[in-house]
Amino acid sequence: MAETAGDRVVRMLALIAYLDDHPGVPVEQVAEHFGVSVGQVLMDVDTLWVSGTPGYMHDDLIDFAADDHERNILTLTDARGMDQPLRLGPQEALALLTALRSLQETPGLADDAVLSSTADKLARAAGAAAQAAESVDVRVGDTSRPDVSARLSLVRDALRAGRQLRLRYVSAADTVSERTVDPLQLLTDSDQWFLLAWCHRATDVRQFRLDRMLEATPLDAPVGEHPHVTLPGSAEPPLTAARWQVRLVLSSRARWVAEQYPVSTVTDLDDGRFAVVLDVVDLAWLHNLVLGLGPDVHEVEPADVADGIAARGRAALAAYAAAGLLDDVDVP
């Protein structure tokens, strides 16, 4: 997955604190600590070396010992205050308190001692911002619908008991199927709830949205052992092997695709466009993405995937035309 700009900024800020605590550390040790290459560490240092406070003269910039740098040793000589604890402003404290409250609303974390202690300490330090945070309505996942709430409770019970589930499920492509699954983990993106499970029909890991479960029946059979499966939060390879590797050439204004989705590579092109390579498990998901991007998509490879997307687009246009929703449009 390509590194985002935000990821790199966080690492460089952490690098300053690390070097302040470890003066004269070899570059190789820094690379091992942060899990990146030696070349990436040196690029980060070069960027920090020309960063600093307004004025941007020599005395305003973060500085390193040049002699040590030539010997592949990193010694921070001037952090320009970046190694000092930050004081939160009211808006920052409000954002953090709201985020903590959303975590506390997540099932299974409401009574977490660390979260409660952190929220209490931050509330005392934030003052008026803490009162503002209390007025924010925090909702995690869509549990307002009775069916989703019931599914959430049922899935959590199956996870705790280590029992299989029988699902009647409708996919993003509007296909209904029945599956027996081994529940592995509940996930949420703050909008939807997902069940990560081993699907016996696919003999692989699949992700199921709770609001797309037409039926969910707990079974007496225990879940199997899946030692090769890596759950989110681990540094191991992705959970599911991709069936297709797809290259998209996109307009510059679609740059958000490279930030939001797990792309393998990002390549900037001379004309301002860029190319991404995605490892795709579900073609229906890719069709929705590409059709939604519309004119921002310039190329799709391989050809058979492009043909499938074009066919779905033509079918959609034909359906609109048949319904009288399109005027004077020829469907190719």
Protein backbone atom coordinates (compact mmCIF):
# COMPACT_ATOMS: atom_id res chain seq x y z
CA MET A 1 0.00 0.00 0.00
CA ALA A 2 1.34 3.42 -0.95
CA GLU A 3 2.31 5.69 1.94
CA THR A 4 0.13 8.76 2.37
CA ALA A 5 1.47 12.25 3.04
CA GLY A 6 -0.11 12.11 6.50
CA ASP A 7 1.71 8.89 7.35
CA ARG A 8 5.04 10.45 6.41
CA VAL A 9 4.42 13.62 8.42
CA VAL A 10 3.58 11.55 11.51
CA ARG A 11 6.76 9.50 11.08
CA MET A 12 8.95 12.59 10.66
CA LEU A 13 7.51 14.17 13.80
CA ALA A 14 8.17 10.93 15.66
CA LEU A 15 11.68 10.87 14.18
CA ILE A 16 12.50 14.19 15.86
CA ALA A 17 11.47 12.85 19.27
CA TYR A 18 13.35 9.59 18.67
CA LEU A 19 16.59 11.34 17.69
CA ASP A 20 16.31 13.69 20.66
CA ASP A 21 16.30 10.62 22.94
CA HIS A 22 18.95 8.73 20.91
CA PRO A 23 21.76 11.10 19.89
CA GLY A 24 24.36 9.68 17.52
CA VAL A 25 22.25 6.73 16.38
CA PRO A 26 23.18 4.82 13.17
CA VAL A 27 20.79 5.30 10.25
CA GLU A 28 20.28 1.54 10.00
CA GLN A 29 18.98 1.43 13.58
CA VAL A 30 16.53 4.25 12.86
CA ALA A 31 15.28 2.46 9.73
CA GLU A 32 14.73 -0.75 11.69
CA HIS A 33 12.90 1.12 14.46
CA PHE A 34 10.44 2.78 12.05
CA GLY A 35 10.14 -0.17 9.69
CA VAL A 36 11.30 1.71 6.58
CA SER A 37 14.35 1.64 4.34
CA VAL A 38 17.62 3.48 5.03
CA GLY A 39 16.96 5.56 1.93
CA GLN A 40 13.57 6.64 3.28
CA VAL A 41 15.11 7.72 6.60
CA LEU A 42 17.70 9.83 4.77
CA MET A 43 14.94 11.41 2.65
CA ASP A 44 13.01 12.25 5.83
CA VAL A 45 16.11 13.84 7.37
CA ASP A 46 16.75 15.88 4.21
CA THR A 47 13.17 17.18 4.39
CA LEU A 48 13.44 18.05 8.07
CA TRP A 49 16.76 19.78 7.43
CA VAL A 50 14.96 22.45 5.35
CA SER A 51 11.97 22.72 7.72
CA GLY A 52 11.60 25.05 10.65
CA THR A 53 9.98 28.22 11.95
CA PRO A 54 9.05 31.33 9.90
CA GLY A 55 12.05 33.21 8.62
CA TYR A 56 13.62 30.05 7.26
CA MET A 57 17.16 31.29 7.69
CA HIS A 58 19.86 28.95 9.01
CA ASP A 59 19.02 29.57 12.67
CA ASP A 60 15.32 29.00 12.01
CA LEU A 61 15.68 25.46 10.66
CA ILE A 62 15.81 22.02 12.27
CA ASP A 63 19.48 21.05 12.24
CA PHE A 64 21.61 17.90 12.33
CA ALA A 65 25.33 17.32 12.78
CA ALA A 66 26.68 17.33 9.23
CA ASP A 67 29.86 15.39 10.08
CA ASP A 68 27.85 12.58 11.66
CA HIS A 69 25.44 12.56 8.72
CA GLU A 70 28.32 11.88 6.32
CA ARG A 71 29.11 8.76 8.40
CA ASN A 72 25.46 7.61 8.30
CA ILE A 73 24.97 8.63 11.94
CA LEU A 74 22.11 10.92 12.95
CA THR A 75 22.57 13.55 15.64
CA LEU A 76 19.85 16.15 16.15
CA THR A 77 21.42 19.47 17.15
CA ASP A 78 18.42 21.85 16.97
CA ALA A 79 14.82 20.64 17.11
CA ARG A 80 13.36 24.19 16.93
CA GLY A 81 10.99 23.33 19.77
CA MET A 82 9.54 20.28 17.99
CA ASP A 83 10.74 18.06 20.85
CA GLN A 84 8.63 19.95 23.41
CA PRO A 85 5.14 18.84 24.51
CA LEU A 86 2.34 20.70 22.74
CA ARG A 87 -0.43 22.59 24.48
CA LEU A 88 -3.83 21.83 23.03
CA GLY A 89 -6.05 24.65 21.84
CA PRO A 90 -9.82 24.53 22.55
CA GLN A 91 -10.65 23.12 19.09
CA GLU A 92 -7.92 20.45 19.33
CA ALA A 93 -9.09 19.40 22.80
CA LEU A 94 -12.69 19.24 21.55
CA ALA A 95 -11.65 17.02 18.61
CA LEU A 96 -9.71 14.64 20.86
CA LEU A 97 -12.48 14.41 23.45
CA THR A 98 -15.05 13.72 20.74
CA ALA A 99 -12.82 10.99 19.27
CA LEU A 100 -12.43 9.40 22.70
CA ARG A 101 -16.17 9.48 23.22
CA SER A 102 -16.70 7.72 19.88
CA LEU A 103 -14.31 4.98 21.02
CA GLN A 104 -16.19 4.66 24.30
CA GLU A 105 -19.45 4.27 22.34
CA THR A 106 -17.98 1.29 20.47
CA PRO A 107 -19.34 -2.01 21.80
CA GLY A 108 -16.79 -3.69 24.02
CA LEU A 109 -14.89 -0.46 24.82
CA ALA A 110 -17.42 1.38 26.97
CA ASP A 111 -15.81 0.16 30.20
CA ASP A 112 -12.20 0.33 29.03
CA ALA A 113 -10.17 1.72 31.96
CA VAL A 114 -7.48 3.35 29.79
CA LEU A 115 -10.03 5.20 27.67
CA SER A 116 -11.94 6.39 30.73
CA SER A 117 -8.79 7.58 32.49
CA THR A 118 -7.53 9.38 29.38
CA ALA A 119 -10.87 11.07 28.78
CA ASP A 120 -11.10 12.22 32.41
CA LYS A 121 -7.58 13.70 32.41
CA LEU A 122 -8.12 15.43 29.07
CA ALA A 123 -11.46 16.82 30.23
CA ARG A 124 -9.84 18.33 33.33
CA ALA A 125 -7.11 19.92 31.22
CA ALA A 126 -9.49 21.13 28.48
CA GLY A 127 -11.80 23.17 30.68
CA ALA A 128 -14.59 24.76 28.61
CA ALA A 129 -13.82 22.52 25.63
CA ALA A 130 -14.86 19.53 27.71
CA GLN A 131 -18.35 21.01 28.17
CA ALA A 132 -18.60 21.57 24.43
CA ALA A 133 -17.62 17.95 23.78
CA GLU A 134 -20.43 16.76 26.05
CA SER A 135 -22.95 18.49 23.77
CA VAL A 136 -21.72 16.63 20.67
CA ASP A 137 -23.97 13.75 19.59
CA VAL A 138 -21.63 10.78 19.01
CA ARG A 139 -22.90 7.74 17.12
CA VAL A 140 -20.68 4.83 16.11
CA GLY A 141 -21.98 2.71 13.26
CA ASP A 142 -25.59 2.56 12.17
CA THR A 143 -27.34 0.85 15.05
CA SER A 144 -30.48 3.00 14.78
CA ARG A 145 -32.17 0.44 12.53
CA PRO A 146 -33.61 -2.43 14.60
CA ASP A 147 -32.35 -5.07 12.15
CA VAL A 148 -28.76 -3.78 12.30
CA SER A 149 -28.89 -3.56 16.09
CA ALA A 150 -30.17 -7.14 16.30
CA ARG A 151 -27.52 -8.37 13.86
CA LEU A 152 -24.81 -6.64 15.88
CA SER A 153 -25.91 -8.36 19.07
CA LEU A 154 -26.20 -11.74 17.34
CA VAL A 155 -22.77 -11.48 15.69
CA ARG A 156 -21.11 -10.39 18.95
CA ASP A 157 -22.65 -13.41 20.70
CA ALA A 158 -21.33 -15.73 17.97
CA LEU A 159 -17.85 -14.20 18.26
CA ARG A 160 -17.81 -14.66 22.03
CA ALA A 161 -19.09 -18.24 21.79
CA GLY A 162 -16.80 -19.17 18.89
CA ARG A 163 -19.74 -20.50 16.85
CA GLN A 164 -20.39 -20.49 13.10
CA LEU A 165 -23.10 -18.39 11.45
CA ARG A 166 -25.36 -19.18 8.53
CA LEU A 167 -25.88 -16.03 6.44
CA ARG A 168 -28.32 -15.10 3.70
CA TYR A 169 -26.50 -12.14 2.21
CA VAL A 170 -26.97 -9.62 -0.61
CA SER A 171 -23.72 -8.36 -2.16
CA ALA A 172 -22.87 -4.95 -3.63
CA ALA A 173 -23.74 -6.44 -7.03
CA ASP A 174 -27.29 -7.19 -5.71
CA THR A 175 -26.66 -10.94 -5.71
CA VAL A 176 -28.23 -13.01 -2.92
CA SER A 177 -26.28 -16.00 -1.61
CA GLU A 178 -26.24 -18.32 1.38
CA ARG A 179 -22.98 -18.91 3.22
CA THR A 180 -21.65 -20.62 6.31
CA VAL A 181 -18.97 -18.49 7.95
CA ASP A 182 -16.56 -18.55 10.89
CA PRO A 183 -16.82 -15.10 12.56
CA LEU A 184 -13.38 -13.57 13.15
CA GLN A 185 -13.75 -9.86 13.96
CA LEU A 186 -16.24 -6.98 14.06
CA LEU A 187 -15.17 -3.75 12.34
CA THR A 188 -16.71 -0.32 11.90
CA ASP A 189 -15.83 2.74 9.81
CA SER A 190 -18.09 4.94 12.00
CA ASP A 191 -20.82 4.61 9.37
CA GLN A 192 -21.30 0.88 8.84
CA TRP A 193 -20.61 -2.33 10.74
CA PHE A 194 -18.75 -5.20 9.06
CA LEU A 195 -18.12 -8.81 9.99
CA LEU A 196 -14.77 -10.22 8.98
CA ALA A 197 -15.25 -13.96 8.60
CA TRP A 198 -13.88 -17.11 7.00
CA CYS A 199 -16.37 -18.06 4.27
CA HIS A 200 -16.61 -21.83 3.76
CA ARG A 201 -18.06 -21.41 0.27
CA ALA A 202 -15.22 -19.15 -0.92
CA THR A 203 -12.62 -20.94 1.27
CA ASP A 204 -11.17 -17.52 2.05
CA VAL A 205 -11.68 -14.46 4.24
CA ARG A 206 -14.61 -12.23 3.31
CA GLN A 207 -16.08 -9.01 4.73
CA PHE A 208 -19.87 -8.82 5.26
CA ARG A 209 -21.81 -5.63 5.95
CA LEU A 210 -24.34 -6.16 8.71
CA ASP A 211 -27.02 -4.12 6.93
CA ARG A 212 -26.77 -6.46 3.93
CA MET A 213 -27.43 -9.58 6.00
CA LEU A 214 -30.95 -10.67 5.10
CA GLU A 215 -30.77 -13.47 7.67
CA ALA A 216 -28.17 -14.55 10.23
CA THR A 217 -28.59 -17.83 12.08
CA PRO A 218 -26.19 -19.05 14.80
CA LEU A 219 -25.07 -22.67 14.41
CA ASP A 220 -23.89 -25.19 16.97
CA ALA A 221 -20.69 -25.95 15.02
CA PRO A 222 -17.55 -24.30 16.45
CA VAL A 223 -15.39 -22.05 14.28
CA GLY A 224 -12.31 -23.65 12.77
CA GLU A 225 -8.67 -22.75 13.32
CA HIS A 226 -7.31 -20.19 10.85
CA PRO A 227 -3.70 -19.54 11.91
CA HIS A 228 -2.76 -18.15 8.49
CA VAL A 229 -5.36 -15.37 8.66
CA THR A 230 -4.03 -11.93 9.65
CA LEU A 231 -6.50 -9.57 11.31
CA PRO A 232 -6.42 -5.77 10.78
CA GLY A 233 -3.86 -3.91 12.87
CA SER A 234 -1.05 -6.33 12.11
CA ALA A 235 1.90 -5.52 9.86
CA GLU A 236 1.43 -8.82 8.01
CA PRO A 237 0.25 -9.07 4.35
CA PRO A 238 -3.39 -8.38 3.40
CA LEU A 239 -6.13 -10.71 4.56
CA THR A 240 -7.39 -11.79 1.18
CA ALA A 241 -5.43 -12.54 -1.97
CA ALA A 242 -6.48 -10.19 -4.76
CA ARG A 243 -8.02 -11.80 -7.82
CA TRP A 244 -7.23 -8.90 -10.16
CA GLN A 245 -4.51 -6.28 -10.35
CA VAL A 246 -5.95 -3.22 -12.06
CA ARG A 247 -4.17 -0.10 -13.31
CA LEU A 248 -6.12 3.16 -13.51
CA VAL A 249 -4.93 6.42 -15.05
CA LEU A 250 -6.79 9.26 -13.34
CA SER A 251 -7.06 13.05 -13.46
CA SER A 252 -5.22 15.02 -10.80
CA ARG A 253 -8.46 15.93 -9.02
CA ALA A 254 -9.04 12.22 -8.29
CA ARG A 255 -5.89 12.11 -6.14
CA TRP A 256 -8.10 11.18 -3.18
CA VAL A 257 -8.33 7.64 -4.61
CA ALA A 258 -4.64 7.07 -3.79
CA GLU A 259 -5.21 8.33 -0.26
CA GLN A 260 -8.45 6.50 0.52
CA TYR A 261 -7.97 3.07 -1.06
CA PRO A 262 -5.19 0.44 -0.62
CA VAL A 263 -3.20 1.02 -3.81
CA SER A 264 -0.01 -0.91 -4.57
CA THR A 265 1.75 1.87 -6.48
CA VAL A 266 1.20 5.51 -7.38
CA THR A 267 2.97 6.97 -10.44
CA ASP A 268 2.82 10.64 -11.41
CA LEU A 269 2.61 11.21 -15.18
CA ASP A 270 4.02 14.12 -17.15
CA ASP A 271 0.65 15.62 -18.10
CA GLY A 272 -0.56 16.08 -14.51
CA ARG A 273 -2.43 12.80 -14.44
CA PHE A 274 -1.36 9.88 -12.28
CA ALA A 275 -1.61 6.09 -12.35
CA VAL A 276 -2.52 3.75 -9.51
CA VAL A 277 -2.40 -0.02 -9.30
CA LEU A 278 -5.07 -1.62 -7.12
CA ASP A 279 -5.29 -5.19 -5.86
CA VAL A 280 -8.98 -5.95 -6.38
CA VAL A 281 -10.92 -8.73 -4.70
CA ASP A 282 -14.45 -7.73 -5.82
CA LEU A 283 -14.99 -6.44 -9.39
CA ALA A 284 -18.42 -5.07 -8.45
CA TRP A 285 -16.68 -2.68 -6.05
CA LEU A 286 -14.26 -1.61 -8.80
CA HIS A 287 -17.12 -1.04 -11.26
CA ASN A 288 -18.84 1.27 -8.78
CA LEU A 289 -15.61 3.17 -8.15
CA VAL A 290 -14.73 3.69 -11.82
CA LEU A 291 -18.26 4.60 -12.93
CA GLY A 292 -18.51 7.05 -10.03
CA LEU A 293 -15.26 8.75 -11.09
CA GLY A 294 -16.67 9.30 -14.59
CA PRO A 295 -14.53 11.61 -16.77
CA ASP A 296 -11.66 11.50 -14.28
CA VAL A 297 -10.84 7.96 -15.51
CA HIS A 298 -8.61 7.99 -18.62
CA GLU A 299 -7.37 4.40 -18.83
CA VAL A 300 -8.25 1.02 -17.31
CA GLU A 301 -6.06 -2.07 -17.61
CA PRO A 302 -6.30 -5.02 -18.19
CA ALA A 303 -8.59 -4.90 -21.21
CA ASP A 304 -11.07 -7.53 -20.00
CA VAL A 305 -11.70 -5.53 -16.80
CA ALA A 306 -12.17 -2.35 -18.87
CA ASP A 307 -14.63 -4.18 -21.14
CA GLY A 308 -16.64 -5.35 -18.12
CA ILE A 309 -16.89 -1.79 -16.77
CA ALA A 310 -17.89 -0.46 -20.20
CA ALA A 311 -20.58 -3.13 -20.51
CA ARG A 312 -22.02 -2.25 -17.13
CA GLY A 313 -22.02 1.45 -18.08
CA ARG A 314 -23.86 0.71 -21.35
CA ALA A 315 -26.39 -1.43 -19.48
CA ALA A 316 -27.04 1.41 -17.04
CA LEU A 317 -27.54 3.92 -19.89
CA ALA A 318 -29.88 1.52 -21.69
CA ALA A 319 -31.94 1.08 -18.51
CA TYR A 320 -32.24 4.85 -18.06
CA ALA A 321 -33.19 5.28 -21.72
CA ALA A 322 -35.83 2.54 -21.48
CA ALA A 323 -37.31 4.28 -18.46
CA GLY A 324 -37.50 7.56 -20.39
CA LEU A 325 -34.96 9.25 -18.11
CA LEU A 326 -32.52 10.09 -20.92
CA ASP A 327 -33.26 12.31 -23.91
CA ASP A 328 -31.42 12.10 -27.24
CA VAL A 329 -28.68 9.83 -25.92
CA ASP A 330 -27.38 7.03 -28.12
CA VAL A 331 -26.29 4.00 -26.15
CA PRO A 332 -23.14 2.59 -27.85
